[in-house]
Amino acid sequence: MNRSIAGANLPTLRSHNAALVLDLLRVAGERGISRLELAERTGLTPQAVSKITARLRAEGLAAEAGHRASTGGKPRTVLRLVPDAGHAVGLHLDRDELTAVLVDLAGAVVASRRAPLDFGAPAGDVVTVAAGEIAALLGAADGAGPTRTVLGTGVAVPGPLDHRGGVLHRVTGFPQWDGFPLRDALAARTGLPVVVDKDTNAAALGLALRADGPGDFAYLHLGTGLGAGLFLGGALHRGPRTGAGEFGHQTVALDGPLCTCGGRGCIEALCLAAVADGDVAEAARVLGTGAANLVGLLDIDRVVLGGRTVGADPDAYVRGVRSVIEERVRRDGTGASVPLVTTVGGGRPVAEGAAQLVLAPLFGRVGSGGA
């Protein structure tokens, strides 16, 4: 992810240093990592690492994972993250469907639910449905084992919105959400801390936290709508007003069809019209045009496609989008192809990313631009 790891031996940065150590334990997985390796990777002194890991062990977040042969002296004790020491709920409120997951500290899904949803219903009714699904999710998970520590709920919804305040703005096609305090309303109903972000941002965050996701990328989500999540410079890019990534409402045809946002010729309107007509090739071509614009504007390392519509025919979308991007690259003369991949699982990647809105700060993984 082009993310540097650097610690500081200052008491005021103790939580920052603990987050660095905890993140390295997360990345190491079951194999674990030694205190010496932690010191080398963070730049902290061995004494500082020992104090931090002792505190993490006392809090139940870290445990011994055996020993590893040393190049000299006694074997090194290896430490690992304790995944079930904490959990987070991830909630994706799509326009017609709700997806909920419960994930542990390592990001593994331990329970999930899916249910129909009318996002056009009164906002309070949607909150009631969401709170009920969260309760059912936690009840099902607790029924399979001991009661779990739940750190909070991350909610992914269509934008635009105020990420800091957890307040939705005028979501395209759903004006009743304008000004609704979703974060506070859901927190009051569930008793859990709540973080709200755009669905595309949540998905991009989840992708960025995977070990196989380095570099700058754009996540393009085509489902019942079209949007983008941007991971730039080693961090999620939201913009100062959480407005970055409104990909679907870039104008590509000045006299094109009317969009639900009130504009004309928006890429979302053109793409969804092609989908409705069953013309996957045209939908992919339109999506590719927008993707090529992003590649030319941001010089990103890769493009990731996701969403239920893409998932219905991923090969066709990859072929169509790649064709347009490669033509743009040839025309620009840069010569370097931009990798293009897809996610799987419909709304699951978004819901899993929503859970990371809660967990990522524990590991020092906080996005920029309004985080």
Protein backbone atom coordinates (compact mmCIF):
# COMPACT_ATOMS: atom_id res chain seq x y z
CA MET A 1 0.00 0.00 0.00
CA ASN A 2 3.03 2.30 -0.12
CA ARG A 3 2.38 2.91 3.57
CA SER A 4 5.48 3.51 5.67
CA ILE A 5 5.56 2.16 9.22
CA ALA A 6 7.44 4.38 11.65
CA GLY A 7 7.20 4.60 15.42
CA ALA A 8 8.26 7.21 17.94
CA ASN A 9 9.60 6.68 21.45
CA LEU A 10 7.50 9.42 23.02
CA PRO A 11 4.94 8.92 25.80
CA THR A 12 2.47 11.20 24.00
CA LEU A 13 2.47 8.82 21.03
CA ARG A 14 1.92 5.65 23.04
CA SER A 15 -1.41 4.86 21.38
CA HIS A 16 0.10 5.54 17.94
CA ASN A 17 2.94 3.15 18.66
CA ALA A 18 0.54 0.50 19.99
CA ALA A 19 -1.47 0.79 16.79
CA LEU A 20 1.66 0.22 14.70
CA VAL A 21 2.51 -2.92 16.69
CA LEU A 22 -1.05 -4.19 16.58
CA ASP A 23 -1.19 -3.70 12.81
CA LEU A 24 2.00 -5.70 12.31
CA LEU A 25 0.51 -8.49 14.45
CA ARG A 26 -2.58 -8.38 12.22
CA VAL A 27 -0.56 -8.60 9.02
CA ALA A 28 1.61 -11.43 10.41
CA GLY A 29 -1.47 -13.60 10.96
CA GLU A 30 -1.22 -16.99 12.63
CA ARG A 31 2.49 -17.21 11.87
CA GLY A 32 3.12 -14.38 14.30
CA ILE A 33 6.03 -12.00 14.68
CA SER A 34 8.80 -11.61 17.25
CA ARG A 35 9.46 -8.58 19.43
CA LEU A 36 12.79 -8.05 17.68
CA GLU A 37 11.06 -7.98 14.30
CA LEU A 38 8.49 -5.55 15.68
CA ALA A 39 11.27 -3.25 16.84
CA GLU A 40 13.01 -3.45 13.47
CA ARG A 41 9.81 -2.79 11.51
CA THR A 42 8.59 0.13 13.63
CA GLY A 43 11.87 1.78 14.61
CA LEU A 44 10.89 1.55 18.28
CA THR A 45 13.36 0.45 20.92
CA PRO A 46 13.12 -3.17 22.13
CA GLN A 47 12.16 -1.81 25.55
CA ALA A 48 9.27 0.18 24.08
CA VAL A 49 8.07 -2.85 22.12
CA SER A 50 8.21 -5.03 25.24
CA LYS A 51 6.05 -2.56 27.16
CA ILE A 52 3.53 -2.28 24.34
CA THR A 53 3.24 -6.03 23.77
CA ALA A 54 2.90 -6.63 27.52
CA ARG A 55 0.00 -4.20 27.58
CA LEU A 56 -1.58 -5.80 24.50
CA ARG A 57 -1.29 -9.23 26.10
CA ALA A 58 -2.83 -7.96 29.33
CA GLU A 59 -5.75 -6.56 27.33
CA GLY A 60 -6.21 -9.90 25.56
CA LEU A 61 -5.32 -8.50 22.14
CA ALA A 62 -2.06 -10.44 21.71
CA ALA A 63 -0.84 -13.89 22.72
CA GLU A 64 2.21 -16.09 22.35
CA ALA A 65 2.33 -18.15 19.16
CA GLY A 66 5.33 -20.33 19.95
CA HIS A 67 9.03 -19.79 19.36
CA ARG A 68 11.24 -19.22 16.37
CA ALA A 69 14.88 -20.21 15.98
CA SER A 70 17.32 -17.36 16.52
CA THR A 71 20.60 -16.68 14.71
CA GLY A 72 22.21 -16.57 18.11
CA GLY A 73 21.10 -17.06 21.70
CA LYS A 74 17.77 -18.42 22.88
CA PRO A 75 14.79 -18.87 20.53
CA ARG A 76 12.62 -15.82 19.99
CA THR A 77 9.09 -15.76 21.39
CA VAL A 78 6.58 -15.13 18.62
CA LEU A 79 3.42 -13.12 19.24
CA ARG A 80 0.15 -13.09 17.31
CA LEU A 81 -3.07 -11.11 17.24
CA VAL A 82 -6.04 -12.63 19.10
CA PRO A 83 -8.78 -12.22 16.45
CA ASP A 84 -11.76 -12.91 18.70
CA ALA A 85 -10.71 -10.29 21.25
CA GLY A 86 -13.01 -7.85 19.47
CA HIS A 87 -15.56 -7.66 16.67
CA ALA A 88 -17.29 -5.10 14.52
CA VAL A 89 -20.56 -5.04 12.62
CA GLY A 90 -20.48 -4.01 8.98
CA LEU A 91 -23.73 -2.85 7.42
CA HIS A 92 -24.36 -2.11 3.74
CA LEU A 93 -27.63 -0.28 3.14
CA ASP A 94 -28.15 -0.55 -0.60
CA ARG A 95 -31.15 0.85 -2.41
CA ASP A 96 -33.01 -2.47 -2.34
CA GLU A 97 -31.02 -4.78 -0.08
CA LEU A 98 -29.34 -4.86 3.33
CA THR A 99 -26.18 -6.88 3.96
CA ALA A 100 -24.82 -7.26 7.50
CA VAL A 101 -21.63 -9.00 8.63
CA LEU A 102 -19.85 -9.54 11.93
CA VAL A 103 -16.07 -9.65 11.57
CA ASP A 104 -13.26 -10.30 14.03
CA LEU A 105 -10.09 -8.25 14.46
CA ALA A 106 -8.40 -10.14 11.63
CA GLY A 107 -11.24 -9.22 9.27
CA ALA A 108 -12.69 -12.74 9.07
CA VAL A 109 -16.49 -12.92 8.77
CA VAL A 110 -18.00 -14.94 11.63
CA ALA A 111 -21.68 -14.28 10.82
CA SER A 112 -23.69 -12.64 8.05
CA ARG A 113 -27.25 -11.75 7.08
CA ARG A 114 -28.99 -10.42 3.99
CA ALA A 115 -32.49 -9.01 3.71
CA PRO A 116 -34.63 -6.93 1.32
CA LEU A 117 -34.60 -3.19 1.99
CA ASP A 118 -36.58 -0.23 0.72
CA PHE A 119 -34.12 2.64 0.98
CA GLY A 120 -36.89 4.90 -0.28
CA ALA A 121 -38.98 4.31 2.84
CA PRO A 122 -39.01 6.94 5.63
CA ALA A 123 -35.54 7.18 7.13
CA GLY A 124 -36.77 6.21 10.59
CA ASP A 125 -38.29 3.00 9.22
CA VAL A 126 -35.01 2.07 7.55
CA VAL A 127 -33.19 2.62 10.86
CA THR A 128 -35.68 0.30 12.57
CA VAL A 129 -35.03 -2.43 9.98
CA ALA A 130 -31.26 -1.96 10.27
CA ALA A 131 -31.31 -2.13 14.07
CA GLY A 132 -33.40 -5.31 13.90
CA GLU A 133 -30.97 -6.96 11.51
CA ILE A 134 -28.01 -6.02 13.72
CA ALA A 135 -29.75 -7.55 16.74
CA ALA A 136 -30.51 -10.72 14.76
CA LEU A 137 -26.92 -10.90 13.52
CA LEU A 138 -25.47 -10.60 17.01
CA GLY A 139 -28.01 -13.05 18.40
CA ALA A 140 -27.11 -15.65 15.79
CA ALA A 141 -23.39 -15.16 16.44
CA ASP A 142 -23.77 -15.41 20.22
CA GLY A 143 -25.88 -18.53 19.80
CA ALA A 144 -22.88 -20.24 18.20
CA GLY A 145 -20.49 -19.48 21.04
CA PRO A 146 -19.63 -17.09 23.88
CA THR A 147 -20.85 -13.51 23.94
CA ARG A 148 -18.59 -11.35 21.79
CA THR A 149 -17.09 -7.94 22.41
CA VAL A 150 -18.57 -5.66 19.74
CA LEU A 151 -16.62 -2.44 19.25
CA GLY A 152 -19.14 -0.71 17.02
CA THR A 153 -21.00 -0.65 13.73
CA GLY A 154 -19.75 0.67 10.41
CA VAL A 155 -22.50 1.67 7.99
CA ALA A 156 -22.00 2.00 4.24
CA VAL A 157 -24.67 3.94 2.33
CA PRO A 158 -25.05 5.77 -0.98
CA GLY A 159 -23.63 9.30 -0.93
CA PRO A 160 -23.28 12.17 -0.73
CA LEU A 161 -22.94 12.49 3.06
CA ASP A 162 -21.00 14.05 5.91
CA HIS A 163 -18.59 11.37 7.11
CA ARG A 164 -17.56 13.25 10.26
CA GLY A 165 -21.09 13.94 11.47
CA GLY A 166 -22.71 10.79 10.12
CA VAL A 167 -25.37 12.87 8.37
CA LEU A 168 -26.67 12.02 4.91
CA HIS A 169 -27.16 14.66 2.24
CA ARG A 170 -29.49 14.57 -0.77
CA VAL A 171 -28.87 11.01 -1.95
CA THR A 172 -29.69 10.81 -5.65
CA GLY A 173 -33.28 9.65 -6.00
CA PHE A 174 -33.90 9.67 -2.23
CA PRO A 175 -34.34 13.29 -1.09
CA GLN A 176 -35.95 12.25 2.22
CA TRP A 177 -32.48 11.39 3.56
CA ASP A 178 -31.19 14.97 3.18
CA GLY A 179 -29.98 16.07 6.63
CA PHE A 180 -30.88 12.82 8.39
CA PRO A 181 -28.48 12.03 11.32
CA LEU A 182 -28.06 8.33 10.53
CA ARG A 183 -25.09 7.82 12.86
CA ASP A 184 -26.84 9.17 15.94
CA ALA A 185 -30.18 7.55 15.12
CA LEU A 186 -28.71 4.06 14.70
CA ALA A 187 -26.45 4.44 17.74
CA ALA A 188 -29.47 5.35 19.86
CA ARG A 189 -31.35 2.26 18.63
CA THR A 190 -28.50 -0.22 19.07
CA GLY A 191 -26.40 1.16 21.93
CA LEU A 192 -23.28 0.72 19.80
CA PRO A 193 -20.88 3.36 18.47
CA VAL A 194 -21.59 3.98 14.77
CA VAL A 195 -19.42 5.22 11.89
CA VAL A 196 -21.02 6.17 8.56
CA ASP A 197 -19.36 6.45 5.16
CA LYS A 198 -20.16 6.06 1.49
CA ASP A 199 -20.48 2.50 0.25
CA THR A 200 -17.64 2.94 -2.25
CA ASN A 201 -15.30 4.35 0.40
CA ALA A 202 -16.02 1.43 2.70
CA ALA A 203 -15.29 -1.08 -0.05
CA ALA A 204 -12.06 0.70 -0.99
CA LEU A 205 -10.91 0.68 2.63
CA GLY A 206 -11.56 -3.04 2.93
CA LEU A 207 -9.63 -3.73 -0.27
CA ALA A 208 -6.71 -1.55 0.84
CA LEU A 209 -6.33 -3.52 4.08
CA ARG A 210 -5.79 -6.76 2.22
CA ALA A 211 -2.20 -7.92 1.86
CA ASP A 212 -2.57 -8.08 -1.93
CA GLY A 213 -3.72 -4.49 -2.35
CA PRO A 214 -0.71 -2.14 -2.71
CA GLY A 215 -0.58 1.14 -4.58
CA ASP A 216 -3.11 3.75 -5.60
CA PHE A 217 -6.37 2.39 -6.99
CA ALA A 218 -9.95 3.25 -7.82
CA TYR A 219 -12.79 0.96 -6.81
CA LEU A 220 -15.74 1.31 -9.20
CA HIS A 221 -19.02 -0.04 -7.86
CA LEU A 222 -21.82 -0.78 -10.33
CA GLY A 223 -24.99 -2.05 -8.71
CA THR A 224 -28.24 -0.17 -8.41
CA GLY A 225 -26.09 2.96 -8.78
CA LEU A 226 -22.55 3.82 -9.82
CA GLY A 227 -19.81 5.32 -7.65
CA ALA A 228 -16.10 5.19 -6.89
CA GLY A 229 -13.86 4.82 -3.88
CA LEU A 230 -10.34 6.26 -4.17
CA PHE A 231 -7.25 5.04 -2.33
CA LEU A 232 -4.48 7.53 -3.03
CA GLY A 233 -1.10 8.16 -1.41
CA GLY A 234 -1.52 5.31 1.05
CA ALA A 235 -4.87 6.52 2.42
CA LEU A 236 -8.57 6.59 1.64
CA HIS A 237 -9.33 9.86 -0.11
CA ARG A 238 -12.69 11.33 0.91
CA GLY A 239 -12.11 15.02 0.27
CA PRO A 240 -12.84 17.77 2.81
CA ARG A 241 -16.63 17.38 2.33
CA THR A 242 -16.66 13.59 1.76
CA GLY A 243 -17.43 14.48 -1.84
CA ALA A 244 -14.63 12.61 -3.59
CA GLY A 245 -15.64 9.64 -5.71
CA GLU A 246 -19.00 10.89 -7.03
CA PHE A 247 -17.97 9.03 -10.15
CA GLY A 248 -21.43 8.28 -11.49
CA HIS A 249 -22.36 11.89 -12.04
CA GLN A 250 -19.55 12.97 -14.32
CA THR A 251 -21.03 14.25 -17.58
CA VAL A 252 -19.94 12.29 -20.65
CA ALA A 253 -22.75 13.38 -23.03
CA LEU A 254 -23.75 17.06 -22.84
CA ASP A 255 -27.14 16.45 -24.43
CA GLY A 256 -27.59 12.97 -23.02
CA PRO A 257 -30.57 11.56 -21.13
CA LEU A 258 -31.81 13.13 -17.91
CA CYS A 259 -30.26 11.62 -14.78
CA THR A 260 -32.03 11.26 -11.43
CA CYS A 261 -29.53 13.77 -10.05
CA GLY A 262 -31.06 16.44 -12.31
CA GLY A 263 -28.17 16.59 -14.77
CA ARG A 264 -27.92 15.22 -18.28
CA GLY A 265 -25.59 12.66 -19.79
CA CYS A 266 -24.24 11.35 -16.49
CA ILE A 267 -22.24 8.17 -16.78
CA GLU A 268 -24.56 6.49 -14.24
CA ALA A 269 -27.65 7.23 -16.32
CA LEU A 270 -26.02 5.96 -19.52
CA CYS A 271 -24.58 2.87 -17.89
CA LEU A 272 -27.76 1.86 -16.06
CA ALA A 273 -29.82 2.44 -19.23
CA ALA A 274 -27.59 -0.01 -21.08
CA VAL A 275 -27.92 -2.50 -18.23
CA ALA A 276 -31.72 -2.17 -18.34
CA ASP A 277 -31.63 -2.85 -22.10
CA GLY A 278 -29.54 -5.97 -21.52
CA ASP A 279 -26.63 -4.46 -23.47
CA VAL A 280 -23.71 -5.49 -21.28
CA ALA A 281 -21.14 -4.55 -23.92
CA GLU A 282 -22.45 -0.97 -24.05
CA ALA A 283 -22.63 -0.75 -20.25
CA ALA A 284 -19.01 -1.91 -20.04
CA ARG A 285 -17.97 0.57 -22.72
CA VAL A 286 -19.57 3.47 -20.84
CA LEU A 287 -18.06 2.30 -17.55
CA GLY A 288 -14.70 1.98 -19.29
CA THR A 289 -14.94 5.57 -20.52
CA GLY A 290 -15.28 6.79 -16.96
CA ALA A 291 -12.54 4.46 -15.77
CA ALA A 292 -10.18 5.73 -18.49
CA ASN A 293 -10.92 9.30 -17.40
CA LEU A 294 -9.86 8.41 -13.85
CA VAL A 295 -6.70 6.65 -15.04
CA GLY A 296 -5.73 9.68 -17.11
CA LEU A 297 -6.56 12.14 -14.34
CA LEU A 298 -5.02 10.37 -11.35
CA ASP A 299 -2.40 8.04 -12.91
CA ILE A 300 -3.54 5.25 -10.60
CA ASP A 301 -1.88 1.84 -10.34
CA ARG A 302 -5.01 -0.27 -10.87
CA VAL A 303 -8.77 -0.32 -11.24
CA VAL A 304 -11.05 -2.64 -9.25
CA LEU A 305 -14.60 -3.39 -10.42
CA GLY A 306 -17.33 -4.52 -8.04
CA GLY A 307 -21.04 -4.51 -7.32
CA ARG A 308 -23.91 -6.84 -8.11
CA THR A 309 -24.24 -5.78 -11.74
CA VAL A 310 -20.56 -6.42 -12.45
CA GLY A 311 -20.78 -9.68 -10.50
CA ALA A 312 -23.53 -10.92 -12.83
CA ASP A 313 -21.11 -10.96 -15.80
CA PRO A 314 -17.60 -10.08 -14.57
CA ASP A 315 -15.72 -11.32 -17.64
CA ALA A 316 -17.74 -9.12 -19.99
CA TYR A 317 -17.19 -6.04 -17.84
CA VAL A 318 -13.47 -6.70 -17.49
CA ARG A 319 -13.12 -7.14 -21.26
CA GLY A 320 -15.11 -4.03 -22.09
CA VAL A 321 -13.55 -1.74 -19.51
CA ARG A 322 -10.04 -2.99 -20.22
CA SER A 323 -10.48 -2.36 -23.94
CA VAL A 324 -11.35 1.31 -23.37
CA ILE A 325 -8.57 1.86 -20.83
CA GLU A 326 -5.93 0.27 -23.07
CA GLU A 327 -7.04 2.40 -26.00
CA ARG A 328 -6.65 5.49 -23.79
CA VAL A 329 -3.19 4.35 -22.68
CA ARG A 330 -2.11 3.79 -26.30
CA ARG A 331 -3.45 7.20 -27.30
CA ASP A 332 -1.63 8.91 -24.45
CA GLY A 333 1.59 7.09 -25.28
CA THR A 334 2.36 6.10 -21.68
CA GLY A 335 2.90 2.48 -22.74
CA ALA A 336 2.11 0.99 -19.33
CA SER A 337 -1.02 -1.13 -18.99
CA VAL A 338 -3.20 -0.56 -15.93
CA PRO A 339 -4.20 -3.78 -14.13
CA LEU A 340 -7.94 -4.39 -13.88
CA VAL A 341 -9.50 -6.84 -11.41
CA THR A 342 -12.93 -7.59 -9.96
CA THR A 343 -14.24 -8.35 -6.48
CA VAL A 344 -16.76 -11.09 -5.76
CA GLY A 345 -19.63 -11.45 -3.34
CA GLY A 346 -22.16 -8.76 -4.29
CA GLY A 347 -22.65 -6.56 -1.23
CA ARG A 348 -20.31 -8.53 1.01
CA PRO A 349 -17.13 -6.58 0.13
CA VAL A 350 -18.94 -3.33 0.95
CA ALA A 351 -20.28 -4.66 4.25
CA GLU A 352 -16.88 -6.08 5.20
CA GLY A 353 -15.29 -2.73 4.36
CA ALA A 354 -17.92 -1.03 6.53
CA ALA A 355 -16.78 -3.11 9.50
CA GLN A 356 -13.25 -1.85 8.85
CA LEU A 357 -14.50 1.71 9.39
CA VAL A 358 -14.62 0.66 13.05
CA LEU A 359 -11.55 -1.60 13.17
CA ALA A 360 -9.05 0.27 10.98
CA PRO A 361 -8.33 3.06 13.52
CA LEU A 362 -7.25 0.40 16.04
CA PHE A 363 -4.44 -0.46 13.65
CA GLY A 364 -3.56 3.12 12.76
CA ARG A 365 -5.30 2.76 9.39
CA VAL A 366 -7.19 6.04 9.24
CA GLY A 367 -7.98 7.52 5.82
CA SER A 368 -7.15 11.10 4.90
CA GLY A 369 -9.30 13.88 3.57
CA GLY A 370 -11.94 14.10 6.25
CA ALA A 371 -11.25 11.01 8.35
